[in-house]
Amino acid sequence: MRVYGVTGWKNAGKTGLMERLVAEITSRGFTVSTVKHAHHSVDVDQPGTDSHRHRVAGASEVLLASGQRIALMQELRGAPEPPLAELLARLSPVDLVLVEGFKREDHPKIEAYRAAAGHALMAPENGTIRAVASDTPLDLDRPVYDLDYTVGIADFILKEVGL
């Protein structure tokens, strides 16, 4: 499975870039899945729903199915967070998986960078970052794209992964 990441510090524009890349790449006829890392507690289920009640009662997994989507919730219950490779193995086959976050993993990435966010660039210290999408011109040893140049960034990623 082809995997490419979008990384960057908080408020750098990662999620907006991910959203635009998914729309652009799927419009070209490719199938795309995404993996998003969260640093905080996440609950996609709502208190009071039957599925939430199942989880609270102690279920290890709850699969919620409807005519529109399927959601599988798995409780770690103290187990360590699975590594990215294990999470990727759970996905159905697609042309490309875009990964948001997981900055310390070794898959190739593009860094989203906004000067106003006030963080230093990660790219100079991280060889897995193959390009930077920035809202300001930068002088780097790798390609720098305008953060809003979605078509060019998509072209770069698709070329990188051989699609």
Protein backbone atom coordinates (compact mmCIF):
# COMPACT_ATOMS: atom_id res chain seq x y z
CA MET A 1 0.00 0.00 0.00
CA ARG A 2 1.34 3.46 -0.90
CA VAL A 3 1.59 5.76 2.11
CA TYR A 4 2.39 9.47 2.26
CA GLY A 5 2.21 11.76 5.24
CA VAL A 6 1.27 15.33 5.99
CA THR A 7 2.99 16.55 9.12
CA GLY A 8 3.59 19.81 10.92
CA TRP A 9 3.04 21.55 14.21
CA LYS A 10 -0.36 22.63 15.54
CA ASN A 11 -2.12 25.28 13.41
CA ALA A 12 0.26 24.74 10.48
CA GLY A 13 -2.53 23.83 8.04
CA LYS A 14 -2.26 20.02 8.06
CA THR A 15 -5.96 19.22 8.14
CA GLY A 16 -6.90 21.74 5.46
CA LEU A 17 -4.13 20.42 3.23
CA MET A 18 -5.23 16.83 3.86
CA GLU A 19 -8.83 17.72 2.97
CA ARG A 20 -7.79 19.43 -0.27
CA LEU A 21 -5.42 16.58 -1.20
CA VAL A 22 -8.09 13.91 -0.68
CA ALA A 23 -10.51 15.88 -2.89
CA GLU A 24 -7.87 16.53 -5.58
CA ILE A 25 -6.46 13.01 -5.71
CA THR A 26 -9.86 11.27 -5.67
CA SER A 27 -11.03 13.64 -8.45
CA ARG A 28 -8.25 12.10 -10.56
CA GLY A 29 -9.80 8.66 -10.13
CA PHE A 30 -7.58 7.30 -7.35
CA THR A 31 -8.91 5.75 -4.15
CA VAL A 32 -7.65 7.35 -0.95
CA SER A 33 -7.94 6.48 2.72
CA THR A 34 -6.65 8.56 5.61
CA VAL A 35 -5.15 7.93 9.03
CA LYS A 36 -5.20 10.77 11.56
CA HIS A 37 -3.19 10.76 14.77
CA ALA A 38 -4.76 12.49 17.77
CA HIS A 39 -2.81 13.49 20.86
CA HIS A 40 -5.92 13.72 22.98
CA SER A 41 -8.67 11.38 24.05
CA VAL A 42 -11.01 10.71 21.15
CA ASP A 43 -14.55 9.42 21.36
CA VAL A 44 -16.53 9.18 18.14
CA ASP A 45 -19.43 7.65 20.02
CA GLN A 46 -22.00 9.61 22.02
CA PRO A 47 -23.15 8.91 25.59
CA GLY A 48 -26.61 7.39 25.63
CA THR A 49 -26.38 5.60 22.27
CA ASP A 50 -26.64 1.83 22.24
CA SER A 51 -23.09 1.42 20.92
CA HIS A 52 -21.71 3.69 23.66
CA ARG A 53 -23.58 1.65 26.24
CA HIS A 54 -21.98 -1.53 24.84
CA ARG A 55 -18.48 -0.04 25.19
CA VAL A 56 -19.09 1.29 28.69
CA ALA A 57 -20.35 -2.15 29.66
CA GLY A 58 -16.93 -3.56 28.74
CA ALA A 59 -17.02 -4.64 25.08
CA SER A 60 -13.54 -4.79 23.53
CA GLU A 61 -14.93 -3.96 20.08
CA VAL A 62 -18.19 -2.47 18.91
CA LEU A 63 -19.04 -2.56 15.22
CA LEU A 64 -21.73 -0.07 14.27
CA ALA A 65 -23.27 -0.67 10.86
CA SER A 66 -25.81 1.25 8.78
CA GLY A 67 -26.70 1.67 5.14
CA GLN A 68 -24.26 4.61 4.88
CA ARG A 69 -21.16 3.54 6.86
CA ILE A 70 -19.51 1.07 9.17
CA ALA A 71 -17.60 2.15 12.27
CA LEU A 72 -15.47 -0.23 14.27
CA MET A 73 -14.53 1.06 17.70
CA GLN A 74 -11.82 -0.80 19.54
CA GLU A 75 -11.05 -0.11 23.17
CA LEU A 76 -7.38 -0.29 24.13
CA ARG A 77 -8.24 -0.67 27.83
CA GLY A 78 -4.69 0.09 28.95
CA ALA A 79 -2.89 -1.56 26.03
CA PRO A 80 -0.35 0.64 24.21
CA GLU A 81 -1.39 2.61 21.15
CA PRO A 82 -0.81 0.46 18.04
CA PRO A 83 2.07 1.54 15.78
CA LEU A 84 1.26 3.07 12.39
CA ALA A 85 2.17 -0.13 10.52
CA GLU A 86 -0.43 -2.06 12.49
CA LEU A 87 -3.07 0.60 11.86
CA LEU A 88 -2.31 0.60 8.13
CA ALA A 89 -2.69 -3.19 8.04
CA ARG A 90 -6.28 -2.79 9.23
CA LEU A 91 -7.30 -0.70 6.21
CA SER A 92 -8.89 -2.04 3.06
CA PRO A 93 -6.70 -1.75 -0.05
CA VAL A 94 -6.66 1.64 -1.79
CA ASP A 95 -4.34 3.45 -4.17
CA LEU A 96 -2.99 5.82 -1.51
CA VAL A 97 -3.21 6.28 2.25
CA LEU A 98 -2.60 9.83 3.43
CA VAL A 99 -1.41 10.01 7.03
CA GLU A 100 -1.86 13.14 9.14
CA GLY A 101 0.52 13.36 12.05
CA PHE A 102 2.81 10.49 13.04
CA LYS A 103 5.76 12.84 12.54
CA ARG A 104 8.26 10.42 14.07
CA GLU A 105 7.35 7.47 11.80
CA ASP A 106 9.59 6.71 8.81
CA HIS A 107 7.13 7.09 5.89
CA PRO A 108 7.71 9.97 3.43
CA LYS A 109 5.99 13.23 4.34
CA ILE A 110 5.30 16.78 3.32
CA GLU A 111 5.46 19.37 6.08
CA ALA A 112 2.70 21.97 6.35
CA TYR A 113 4.19 25.22 7.63
CA ARG A 114 2.58 28.51 8.63
CA ALA A 115 4.94 31.23 9.84
CA ALA A 116 2.23 32.73 12.09
CA ALA A 117 1.98 29.47 14.06
CA GLY A 118 5.35 30.36 15.58
CA HIS A 119 7.04 26.96 15.33
CA ALA A 120 10.38 26.09 13.80
CA LEU A 121 10.48 24.03 10.63
CA MET A 122 10.85 20.29 11.18
CA ALA A 123 12.26 19.61 7.70
CA PRO A 124 15.91 20.56 8.34
CA GLU A 125 16.11 17.93 11.11
CA ASN A 126 13.84 15.27 9.56
CA GLY A 127 14.94 13.39 6.45
CA THR A 128 11.51 11.77 5.98
CA ILE A 129 10.11 15.18 5.07
CA ARG A 130 10.49 15.27 1.29
CA ALA A 131 8.94 18.72 0.67
CA VAL A 132 7.36 21.64 2.51
CA ALA A 133 4.03 23.35 1.86
CA SER A 134 4.43 26.86 3.25
CA ASP A 135 2.61 30.17 3.41
CA THR A 136 5.95 32.00 3.14
CA PRO A 137 8.96 31.57 0.81
CA LEU A 138 11.67 29.30 2.24
CA ASP A 139 15.19 28.43 1.15
CA LEU A 140 15.54 24.67 1.71
CA ASP A 141 17.33 21.69 0.22
CA ARG A 142 14.01 20.18 -0.90
CA PRO A 143 10.96 21.40 -2.81
CA VAL A 144 8.86 24.17 -1.26
CA TYR A 145 5.28 24.65 -2.45
CA ASP A 146 2.76 27.33 -1.64
CA LEU A 147 0.51 25.85 1.07
CA ASP A 148 -2.54 26.47 -1.15
CA TYR A 149 -1.05 25.00 -4.35
CA THR A 150 -2.98 21.75 -3.96
CA VAL A 151 -2.62 20.61 -7.59
CA GLY A 152 1.18 20.91 -7.49
CA ILE A 153 1.44 19.22 -4.09
CA ALA A 154 -0.80 16.39 -5.30
CA ASP A 155 1.35 16.03 -8.45
CA PHE A 156 4.48 15.82 -6.26
CA ILE A 157 3.00 13.17 -3.92
CA LEU A 158 1.61 11.05 -6.76
CA LYS A 159 4.98 11.12 -8.52
CA GLU A 160 6.76 10.22 -5.26
CA VAL A 161 4.56 7.13 -4.74
CA GLY A 162 4.55 6.10 -8.42
CA LEU A 163 0.93 6.84 -9.30
